[in-house]
Amino acid sequence: MWVMDMINFILIEVLGAIAENERNKIRTRQREGIEAAKKKNVRFGRPSKPLPENWQQMMAEVRCGKKKPVEAMRELGISRSHYYRLYSKK
């Protein structure tokens, strides 16, 4: 009985080592592919949304105090997170 337990433990260790080795190979190939893509100037992630047409005018009104940011978001038709992301960039 203890011999079978020992064989099972050894088998699990061997299979675990093989799986870890395969995972390391996959990570290495993935890293190589990402580096090759970056050398070709490939952009990763979601594409950027363009600025709304009247963004500059709306920002001027918000900065002057004529409009509140919530009103600007409604009129521009953008979410709160998108508004503040654009606001921090410009």
PDB file of N, CA and C in Angstrom:
ATOM      1  N   MET A   1       0.825  -1.188   0.000  1.00  0.00           N
ATOM      2  CA  MET A   1       0.000   0.000   0.000  1.00  0.00           C
ATOM      3  C   MET A   1       0.878   1.265   0.000  1.00  0.00           C
ATOM      4  N   TRP A   2       1.872   1.315   0.856  1.00  0.00           N
ATOM      5  CA  TRP A   2       2.732   2.499   0.910  1.00  0.00           C
ATOM      6  C   TRP A   2       3.552   2.645  -0.354  1.00  0.00           C
ATOM      7  N   VAL A   3       3.797   1.510  -1.042  1.00  0.00           N
ATOM      8  CA  VAL A   3       4.550   1.561  -2.299  1.00  0.00           C
ATOM      9  C   VAL A   3       3.711   2.262  -3.365  1.00  0.00           C
ATOM     10  N   MET A   4       2.420   1.971  -3.391  1.00  0.00           N
ATOM     11  CA  MET A   4       1.535   2.610  -4.367  1.00  0.00           C
ATOM     12  C   MET A   4       1.421   4.111  -4.095  1.00  0.00           C
ATOM     13  N   ASP A   5       1.353   4.479  -2.809  1.00  0.00           N
ATOM     14  CA  ASP A   5       1.315   5.898  -2.458  1.00  0.00           C
ATOM     15  C   ASP A   5       2.584   6.600  -2.921  1.00  0.00           C
ATOM     16  N   MET A   6       3.723   5.950  -2.719  1.00  0.00           N
ATOM     17  CA  MET A   6       5.000   6.522  -3.128  1.00  0.00           C
ATOM     18  C   MET A   6       5.056   6.681  -4.648  1.00  0.00           C
ATOM     19  N   ILE A   7       4.586   5.677  -5.360  1.00  0.00           N
ATOM     20  CA  ILE A   7       4.574   5.748  -6.831  1.00  0.00           C
ATOM     21  C   ILE A   7       3.660   6.870  -7.294  1.00  0.00           C
ATOM     22  N   ASN A   8       2.509   7.027  -6.643  1.00  0.00           N
ATOM     23  CA  ASN A   8       1.580   8.108  -7.004  1.00  0.00           C
ATOM     24  C   ASN A   8       2.206   9.474  -6.762  1.00  0.00           C
ATOM     25  N   PHE A   9       2.893   9.644  -5.637  1.00  0.00           N
ATOM     26  CA  PHE A   9       3.547  10.919  -5.344  1.00  0.00           C
ATOM     27  C   PHE A   9       4.639  11.223  -6.365  1.00  0.00           C
ATOM     28  N   ILE A  10       5.400  10.205  -6.724  1.00  0.00           N
ATOM     29  CA  ILE A  10       6.468  10.395  -7.722  1.00  0.00           C
ATOM     30  C   ILE A  10       5.863  10.760  -9.070  1.00  0.00           C
ATOM     31  N   LEU A  11       4.810  10.083  -9.448  1.00  0.00           N
ATOM     32  CA  LEU A  11       4.134  10.357 -10.718  1.00  0.00           C
ATOM     33  C   LEU A  11       3.585  11.778 -10.749  1.00  0.00           C
ATOM     34  N   ILE A  12       2.992  12.216  -9.652  1.00  0.00           N
ATOM     35  CA  ILE A  12       2.460  13.576  -9.584  1.00  0.00           C
ATOM     36  C   ILE A  12       3.586  14.597  -9.700  1.00  0.00           C
ATOM     37  N   GLU A  13       4.711  14.342  -9.036  1.00  0.00           N
ATOM     38  CA  GLU A  13       5.859  15.250  -9.125  1.00  0.00           C
ATOM     39  C   GLU A  13       6.404  15.335 -10.546  1.00  0.00           C
ATOM     40  N   VAL A  14       6.499  14.193 -11.223  1.00  0.00           N
ATOM     41  CA  VAL A  14       7.013  14.164 -12.598  1.00  0.00           C
ATOM     42  C   VAL A  14       6.073  14.921 -13.533  1.00  0.00           C
ATOM     43  N   LEU A  15       4.778  14.674 -13.413  1.00  0.00           N
ATOM     44  CA  LEU A  15       3.806  15.361 -14.266  1.00  0.00           C
ATOM     45  C   LEU A  15       3.788  16.858 -13.975  1.00  0.00           C
ATOM     46  N   GLY A  16       3.923  17.232 -12.713  1.00  0.00           N
ATOM     47  CA  GLY A  16       3.996  18.650 -12.358  1.00  0.00           C
ATOM     48  C   GLY A  16       5.209  19.324 -12.956  1.00  0.00           C
ATOM     49  N   ALA A  17       6.344  18.646 -12.934  1.00  0.00           N
ATOM     50  CA  ALA A  17       7.574  19.201 -13.509  1.00  0.00           C
ATOM     51  C   ALA A  17       7.442  19.364 -15.025  1.00  0.00           C
ATOM     52  N   ILE A  18       6.830  18.402 -15.663  1.00  0.00           N
ATOM     53  CA  ILE A  18       6.619  18.491 -17.120  1.00  0.00           C
ATOM     54  C   ILE A  18       5.698  19.656 -17.439  1.00  0.00           C
ATOM     55  N   ALA A  19       4.614  19.803 -16.686  1.00  0.00           N
ATOM     56  CA  ALA A  19       3.662  20.896 -16.924  1.00  0.00           C
ATOM     57  C   ALA A  19       4.330  22.249 -16.697  1.00  0.00           C
ATOM     58  N   GLU A  20       5.150  22.357 -15.662  1.00  0.00           N
ATOM     59  CA  GLU A  20       5.849  23.615 -15.391  1.00  0.00           C
ATOM     60  C   GLU A  20       6.822  23.952 -16.512  1.00  0.00           C
ATOM     61  N   ASN A  21       7.511  22.940 -17.025  1.00  0.00           N
ATOM     62  CA  ASN A  21       8.441  23.146 -18.136  1.00  0.00           C
ATOM     63  C   ASN A  21       7.696  23.622 -19.381  1.00  0.00           C
ATOM     64  N   GLU A  22       6.566  23.023 -19.680  1.00  0.00           N
ATOM     65  CA  GLU A  22       5.763  23.433 -20.837  1.00  0.00           C
ATOM     66  C   GLU A  22       5.264  24.862 -20.678  1.00  0.00           C
ATOM     67  N   ARG A  23       4.832  25.219 -19.479  1.00  0.00           N
ATOM     68  CA  ARG A  23       4.336  26.574 -19.233  1.00  0.00           C
ATOM     69  C   ARG A  23       5.452  27.594 -19.409  1.00  0.00           C
ATOM     70  N   ASN A  24       6.660  27.254 -18.969  1.00  0.00           N
ATOM     71  CA  ASN A  24       7.798  28.158 -19.161  1.00  0.00           C
ATOM     72  C   ASN A  24       8.121  28.341 -20.641  1.00  0.00           C
ATOM     73  N   LYS A  25       8.008  27.267 -21.424  1.00  0.00           N
ATOM     74  CA  LYS A  25       8.226  27.374 -22.874  1.00  0.00           C
ATOM     75  C   LYS A  25       7.186  28.297 -23.508  1.00  0.00           C
ATOM     76  N   ILE A  26       5.933  28.148 -23.093  1.00  0.00           N
ATOM     77  CA  ILE A  26       4.859  28.985 -23.634  1.00  0.00           C
ATOM     78  C   ILE A  26       5.118  30.451 -23.306  1.00  0.00           C
ATOM     79  N   ARG A  27       5.503  30.746 -22.062  1.00  0.00           N
ATOM     80  CA  ARG A  27       5.787  32.131 -21.674  1.00  0.00           C
ATOM     81  C   ARG A  27       6.951  32.709 -22.470  1.00  0.00           C
ATOM     82  N   THR A  28       7.976  31.903 -22.698  1.00  0.00           N
ATOM     83  CA  THR A  28       9.122  32.374 -23.472  1.00  0.00           C
ATOM     84  C   THR A  28       8.710  32.703 -24.893  1.00  0.00           C
ATOM     85  N   ARG A  29       7.943  31.823 -25.540  1.00  0.00           N
ATOM     86  CA  ARG A  29       7.488  32.087 -26.916  1.00  0.00           C
ATOM     87  C   ARG A  29       6.585  33.303 -26.963  1.00  0.00           C
ATOM     88  N   GLN A  30       5.725  33.454 -25.957  1.00  0.00           N
ATOM     89  CA  GLN A  30       4.834  34.607 -25.906  1.00  0.00           C
ATOM     90  C   GLN A  30       5.642  35.896 -25.768  1.00  0.00           C
ATOM     91  N   ARG A  31       6.631  35.903 -24.881  1.00  0.00           N
ATOM     92  CA  ARG A  31       7.472  37.083 -24.684  1.00  0.00           C
ATOM     93  C   ARG A  31       8.220  37.439 -25.978  1.00  0.00           C
ATOM     94  N   GLU A  32       8.716  36.417 -26.675  1.00  0.00           N
ATOM     95  CA  GLU A  32       9.406  36.661 -27.949  1.00  0.00           C
ATOM     96  C   GLU A  32       8.454  37.272 -28.976  1.00  0.00           C
ATOM     97  N   GLY A  33       7.226  36.783 -29.029  1.00  0.00           N
ATOM     98  CA  GLY A  33       6.245  37.320 -29.965  1.00  0.00           C
ATOM     99  C   GLY A  33       5.883  38.761 -29.648  1.00  0.00           C
ATOM    100  N   ILE A  34       5.736  39.076 -28.370  1.00  0.00           N
ATOM    101  CA  ILE A  34       5.410  40.451 -27.976  1.00  0.00           C
ATOM    102  C   ILE A  34       6.564  41.381 -28.322  1.00  0.00           C
ATOM    103  N   GLU A  35       7.801  40.966 -28.055  1.00  0.00           N
ATOM    104  CA  GLU A  35       8.967  41.797 -28.388  1.00  0.00           C
ATOM    105  C   GLU A  35       9.071  42.020 -29.893  1.00  0.00           C
ATOM    106  N   ALA A  36       8.801  40.981 -30.678  1.00  0.00           N
ATOM    107  CA  ALA A  36       8.849  41.125 -32.140  1.00  0.00           C
ATOM    108  C   ALA A  36       7.766  42.091 -32.616  1.00  0.00           C
ATOM    109  N   ALA A  37       6.586  42.016 -32.014  1.00  0.00           N
ATOM    110  CA  ALA A  37       5.497  42.915 -32.402  1.00  0.00           C
ATOM    111  C   ALA A  37       5.837  44.352 -32.021  1.00  0.00           C
ATOM    112  N   LYS A  38       6.443  44.553 -30.859  1.00  0.00           N
ATOM    113  CA  LYS A  38       6.813  45.909 -30.445  1.00  0.00           C
ATOM    114  C   LYS A  38       7.872  46.506 -31.355  1.00  0.00           C
ATOM    115  N   LYS A  39       8.761  45.674 -31.868  1.00  0.00           N
ATOM    116  CA  LYS A  39       9.770  46.168 -32.819  1.00  0.00           C
ATOM    117  C   LYS A  39       9.109  46.636 -34.118  1.00  0.00           C
ATOM    118  N   LYS A  40       7.957  46.048 -34.441  1.00  0.00           N
ATOM    119  CA  LYS A  40       7.212  46.445 -35.636  1.00  0.00           C
ATOM    120  C   LYS A  40       6.222  47.565 -35.332  1.00  0.00           C
ATOM    121  N   ASN A  41       6.305  48.129 -34.124  1.00  0.00           N
ATOM    122  CA  ASN A  41       5.442  49.233 -33.676  1.00  0.00           C
ATOM    123  C   ASN A  41       3.957  48.864 -33.663  1.00  0.00           C
ATOM    124  N   VAL A  42       3.653  47.655 -33.248  1.00  0.00           N
ATOM    125  CA  VAL A  42       2.270  47.224 -33.103  1.00  0.00           C
ATOM    126  C   VAL A  42       1.749  47.749 -31.775  1.00  0.00           C
ATOM    127  N   ARG A  43       0.572  48.356 -31.804  1.00  0.00           N
ATOM    128  CA  ARG A  43      -0.042  48.863 -30.572  1.00  0.00           C
ATOM    129  C   ARG A  43      -0.895  47.776 -29.954  1.00  0.00           C
ATOM    130  N   PHE A  44      -0.809  47.645 -28.643  1.00  0.00           N
ATOM    131  CA  PHE A  44      -1.613  46.673 -27.920  1.00  0.00           C
ATOM    132  C   PHE A  44      -2.751  47.396 -27.221  1.00  0.00           C
ATOM    133  N   GLY A  45      -3.836  46.686 -26.959  1.00  0.00           N
ATOM    134  CA  GLY A  45      -4.947  47.254 -26.217  1.00  0.00           C
ATOM    135  C   GLY A  45      -6.044  47.767 -27.138  1.00  0.00           C
ATOM    136  N   ARG A  46      -7.028  48.382 -26.502  1.00  0.00           N
ATOM    137  CA  ARG A  46      -8.164  48.923 -27.245  1.00  0.00           C
ATOM    138  C   ARG A  46      -7.750  50.172 -27.999  1.00  0.00           C
ATOM    139  N   PRO A  47      -8.356  50.400 -29.162  1.00  0.00           N
ATOM    140  CA  PRO A  47      -8.061  51.641 -29.880  1.00  0.00           C
ATOM    141  C   PRO A  47      -8.611  52.848 -29.128  1.00  0.00           C
ATOM    142  N   SER A  48      -7.933  53.961 -29.240  1.00  0.00           N
ATOM    143  CA  SER A  48      -8.361  55.178 -28.554  1.00  0.00           C
ATOM    144  C   SER A  48      -9.608  55.749 -29.211  1.00  0.00           C
ATOM    145  N   LYS A  49     -10.483  56.311 -28.390  1.00  0.00           N
ATOM    146  CA  LYS A  49     -11.666  56.978 -28.919  1.00  0.00           C
ATOM    147  C   LYS A  49     -11.265  58.394 -29.329  1.00  0.00           C
ATOM    148  N   PRO A  50     -11.827  58.897 -30.409  1.00  0.00           N
ATOM    149  CA  PRO A  50     -11.510  60.282 -30.778  1.00  0.00           C
ATOM    150  C   PRO A  50     -12.186  61.263 -29.834  1.00  0.00           C
ATOM    151  N   LEU A  51     -11.645  62.468 -29.762  1.00  0.00           N
ATOM    152  CA  LEU A  51     -12.257  63.516 -28.949  1.00  0.00           C
ATOM    153  C   LEU A  51     -13.607  63.899 -29.541  1.00  0.00           C
ATOM    154  N   PRO A  52     -14.591  64.202 -28.708  1.00  0.00           N
ATOM    155  CA  PRO A  52     -15.868  64.704 -29.241  1.00  0.00           C
ATOM    156  C   PRO A  52     -15.627  66.007 -30.009  1.00  0.00           C
ATOM    157  N   GLU A  53     -16.508  66.294 -30.961  1.00  0.00           N
ATOM    158  CA  GLU A  53     -16.318  67.445 -31.856  1.00  0.00           C
ATOM    159  C   GLU A  53     -16.202  68.760 -31.099  1.00  0.00           C
ATOM    160  N   ASN A  54     -17.049  68.984 -30.118  1.00  0.00           N
ATOM    161  CA  ASN A  54     -17.056  70.264 -29.422  1.00  0.00           C
ATOM    162  C   ASN A  54     -16.364  70.173 -28.060  1.00  0.00           C
ATOM    163  N   TRP A  55     -15.341  69.373 -27.960  1.00  0.00           N
ATOM    164  CA  TRP A  55     -14.634  69.152 -26.699  1.00  0.00           C
ATOM    165  C   TRP A  55     -13.980  70.434 -26.174  1.00  0.00           C
ATOM    166  N   GLN A  56     -13.271  71.145 -27.035  1.00  0.00           N
ATOM    167  CA  GLN A  56     -12.567  72.351 -26.597  1.00  0.00           C
ATOM    168  C   GLN A  56     -13.552  73.410 -26.098  1.00  0.00           C
ATOM    169  N   GLN A  57     -14.630  73.590 -26.822  1.00  0.00           N
ATOM    170  CA  GLN A  57     -15.649  74.570 -26.419  1.00  0.00           C
ATOM    171  C   GLN A  57     -16.259  74.188 -25.072  1.00  0.00           C
ATOM    172  N   MET A  58     -16.565  72.912 -24.906  1.00  0.00           N
ATOM    173  CA  MET A  58     -17.175  72.444 -23.669  1.00  0.00           C
ATOM    174  C   MET A  58     -16.201  72.591 -22.498  1.00  0.00           C
ATOM    175  N   MET A  59     -14.932  72.307 -22.718  1.00  0.00           N
ATOM    176  CA  MET A  59     -13.930  72.448 -21.653  1.00  0.00           C
ATOM    177  C   MET A  59     -13.777  73.912 -21.250  1.00  0.00           C
ATOM    178  N   ALA A  60     -13.835  74.799 -22.215  1.00  0.00           N
ATOM    179  CA  ALA A  60     -13.740  76.227 -21.905  1.00  0.00           C
ATOM    180  C   ALA A  60     -14.918  76.653 -21.024  1.00  0.00           C
ATOM    181  N   GLU A  61     -16.110  76.157 -21.344  1.00  0.00           N
ATOM    182  CA  GLU A  61     -17.291  76.502 -20.554  1.00  0.00           C
ATOM    183  C   GLU A  61     -17.217  75.918 -19.143  1.00  0.00           C
ATOM    184  N   VAL A  62     -16.677  74.712 -19.022  1.00  0.00           N
ATOM    185  CA  VAL A  62     -16.555  74.087 -17.698  1.00  0.00           C
ATOM    186  C   VAL A  62     -15.530  74.850 -16.868  1.00  0.00           C
ATOM    187  N   ARG A  63     -14.412  75.216 -17.470  1.00  0.00           N
ATOM    188  CA  ARG A  63     -13.366  75.930 -16.740  1.00  0.00           C
ATOM    189  C   ARG A  63     -13.808  77.329 -16.323  1.00  0.00           C
ATOM    190  N   CYS A  64     -14.648  77.957 -17.136  1.00  0.00           N
ATOM    191  CA  CYS A  64     -15.161  79.292 -16.791  1.00  0.00           C
ATOM    192  C   CYS A  64     -16.249  79.221 -15.728  1.00  0.00           C
ATOM    193  N   GLY A  65     -16.828  78.064 -15.539  1.00  0.00           N
ATOM    194  CA  GLY A  65     -17.889  77.919 -14.552  1.00  0.00           C
ATOM    195  C   GLY A  65     -19.276  78.058 -15.141  1.00  0.00           C
ATOM    196  N   LYS A  66     -19.382  78.166 -16.467  1.00  0.00           N
ATOM    197  CA  LYS A  66     -20.697  78.281 -17.097  1.00  0.00           C
ATOM    198  C   LYS A  66     -21.457  76.956 -17.054  1.00  0.00           C
ATOM    199  N   LYS A  67     -20.710  75.844 -17.090  1.00  0.00           N
ATOM    200  CA  LYS A  67     -21.335  74.520 -17.063  1.00  0.00           C
ATOM    201  C   LYS A  67     -20.656  73.671 -16.006  1.00  0.00           C
ATOM    202  N   LYS A  68     -21.421  72.744 -15.500  1.00  0.00           N
ATOM    203  CA  LYS A  68     -20.872  71.767 -14.578  1.00  0.00           C
ATOM    204  C   LYS A  68     -20.369  70.573 -15.385  1.00  0.00           C
ATOM    205  N   PRO A  69     -19.401  69.854 -14.836  1.00  0.00           N
ATOM    206  CA  PRO A  69     -18.901  68.681 -15.571  1.00  0.00           C
ATOM    207  C   PRO A  69     -19.996  67.674 -15.919  1.00  0.00           C
ATOM    208  N   VAL A  70     -20.972  67.506 -15.046  1.00  0.00           N
ATOM    209  CA  VAL A  70     -22.060  66.551 -15.324  1.00  0.00           C
ATOM    210  C   VAL A  70     -22.844  66.974 -16.558  1.00  0.00           C
ATOM    211  N   GLU A  71     -23.106  68.270 -16.689  1.00  0.00           N
ATOM    212  CA  GLU A  71     -23.820  68.765 -17.871  1.00  0.00           C
ATOM    213  C   GLU A  71     -22.988  68.555 -19.122  1.00  0.00           C
ATOM    214  N   ALA A  72     -21.695  68.793 -19.014  1.00  0.00           N
ATOM    215  CA  ALA A  72     -20.817  68.586 -20.171  1.00  0.00           C
ATOM    216  C   ALA A  72     -20.814  67.126 -20.596  1.00  0.00           C
ATOM    217  N   MET A  73     -20.766  66.223 -19.614  1.00  0.00           N
ATOM    218  CA  MET A  73     -20.781  64.784 -19.935  1.00  0.00           C
ATOM    219  C   MET A  73     -22.050  64.407 -20.676  1.00  0.00           C
ATOM    220  N   ARG A  74     -23.182  64.929 -20.203  1.00  0.00           N
ATOM    221  CA  ARG A  74     -24.463  64.633 -20.849  1.00  0.00           C
ATOM    222  C   ARG A  74     -24.484  65.140 -22.281  1.00  0.00           C
ATOM    223  N   GLU A  75     -24.055  66.382 -22.467  1.00  0.00           N
ATOM    224  CA  GLU A  75     -24.101  66.973 -23.809  1.00  0.00           C
ATOM    225  C   GLU A  75     -23.113  66.299 -24.763  1.00  0.00           C
ATOM    226  N   LEU A  76     -21.966  65.892 -24.235  1.00  0.00           N
ATOM    227  CA  LEU A  76     -20.980  65.219 -25.082  1.00  0.00           C
ATOM    228  C   LEU A  76     -21.348  63.762 -25.332  1.00  0.00           C
ATOM    229  N   GLY A  77     -22.170  63.207 -24.464  1.00  0.00           N
ATOM    230  CA  GLY A  77     -22.582  61.808 -24.632  1.00  0.00           C
ATOM    231  C   GLY A  77     -21.484  60.829 -24.269  1.00  0.00           C
ATOM    232  N   ILE A  78     -20.690  61.177 -23.253  1.00  0.00           N
ATOM    233  CA  ILE A  78     -19.607  60.285 -22.829  1.00  0.00           C
ATOM    234  C   ILE A  78     -19.780  59.938 -21.365  1.00  0.00           C
ATOM    235  N   SER A  79     -19.116  58.861 -20.960  1.00  0.00           N
ATOM    236  CA  SER A  79     -19.217  58.417 -19.573  1.00  0.00           C
ATOM    237  C   SER A  79     -18.343  59.279 -18.672  1.00  0.00           C
ATOM    238  N   ARG A  80     -18.576  59.143 -17.395  1.00  0.00           N
ATOM    239  CA  ARG A  80     -17.813  59.916 -16.410  1.00  0.00           C
ATOM    240  C   ARG A  80     -16.326  59.568 -16.468  1.00  0.00           C
ATOM    241  N   SER A  81     -16.019  58.274 -16.547  1.00  0.00           N
ATOM    242  CA  SER A  81     -14.613  57.865 -16.575  1.00  0.00           C
ATOM    243  C   SER A  81     -13.916  58.365 -17.841  1.00  0.00           C
ATOM    244  N   HIS A  82     -14.617  58.317 -18.980  1.00  0.00           N
ATOM    245  CA  HIS A  82     -14.029  58.804 -20.223  1.00  0.00           C
ATOM    246  C   HIS A  82     -13.809  60.317 -20.153  1.00  0.00           C
ATOM    247  N   TYR A  83     -14.761  61.027 -19.571  1.00  0.00           N
ATOM    248  CA  TYR A  83     -14.635  62.479 -19.434  1.00  0.00           C
ATOM    249  C   TYR A  83     -13.396  62.826 -18.624  1.00  0.00           C
ATOM    250  N   TYR A  84     -13.236  62.212 -17.462  1.00  0.00           N
ATOM    251  CA  TYR A  84     -12.114  62.567 -16.610  1.00  0.00           C
ATOM    252  C   TYR A  84     -10.774  62.069 -17.164  1.00  0.00           C
ATOM    253  N   ARG A  85     -10.801  60.997 -17.942  1.00  0.00           N
ATOM    254  CA  ARG A  85      -9.574  60.540 -18.611  1.00  0.00           C
ATOM    255  C   ARG A  85      -9.141  61.589 -19.647  1.00  0.00           C
ATOM    256  N   LEU A  86     -10.097  62.092 -20.429  1.00  0.00           N
ATOM    257  CA  LEU A  86      -9.784  63.139 -21.397  1.00  0.00           C
ATOM    258  C   LEU A  86      -9.399  64.428 -20.704  1.00  0.00           C
ATOM    259  N   TYR A  87     -10.072  64.741 -19.613  1.00  0.00           N
ATOM    260  CA  TYR A  87      -9.812  65.977 -18.874  1.00  0.00           C
ATOM    261  C   TYR A  87      -8.393  65.994 -18.319  1.00  0.00           C
ATOM    262  N   SER A  88      -7.920  64.851 -17.851  1.00  0.00           N
ATOM    263  CA  SER A  88      -6.572  64.803 -17.285  1.00  0.00           C
ATOM    264  C   SER A  88      -5.497  64.854 -18.362  1.00  0.00           C
ATOM    265  N   LYS A  89      -5.820  64.410 -19.582  1.00  0.00           N
ATOM    266  CA  LYS A  89      -4.843  64.457 -20.683  1.00  0.00           C
ATOM    267  C   LYS A  89      -4.686  65.862 -21.238  1.00  0.00           C
ATOM    268  N   LYS A  90      -5.756  66.585 -21.349  1.00  0.00           N
ATOM    269  CA  LYS A  90      -5.722  67.893 -22.021  1.00  0.00           C
ATOM    270  C   LYS A  90      -5.618  69.009 -21.023  1.00  0.00           C
TER     271      LYS A  90
END
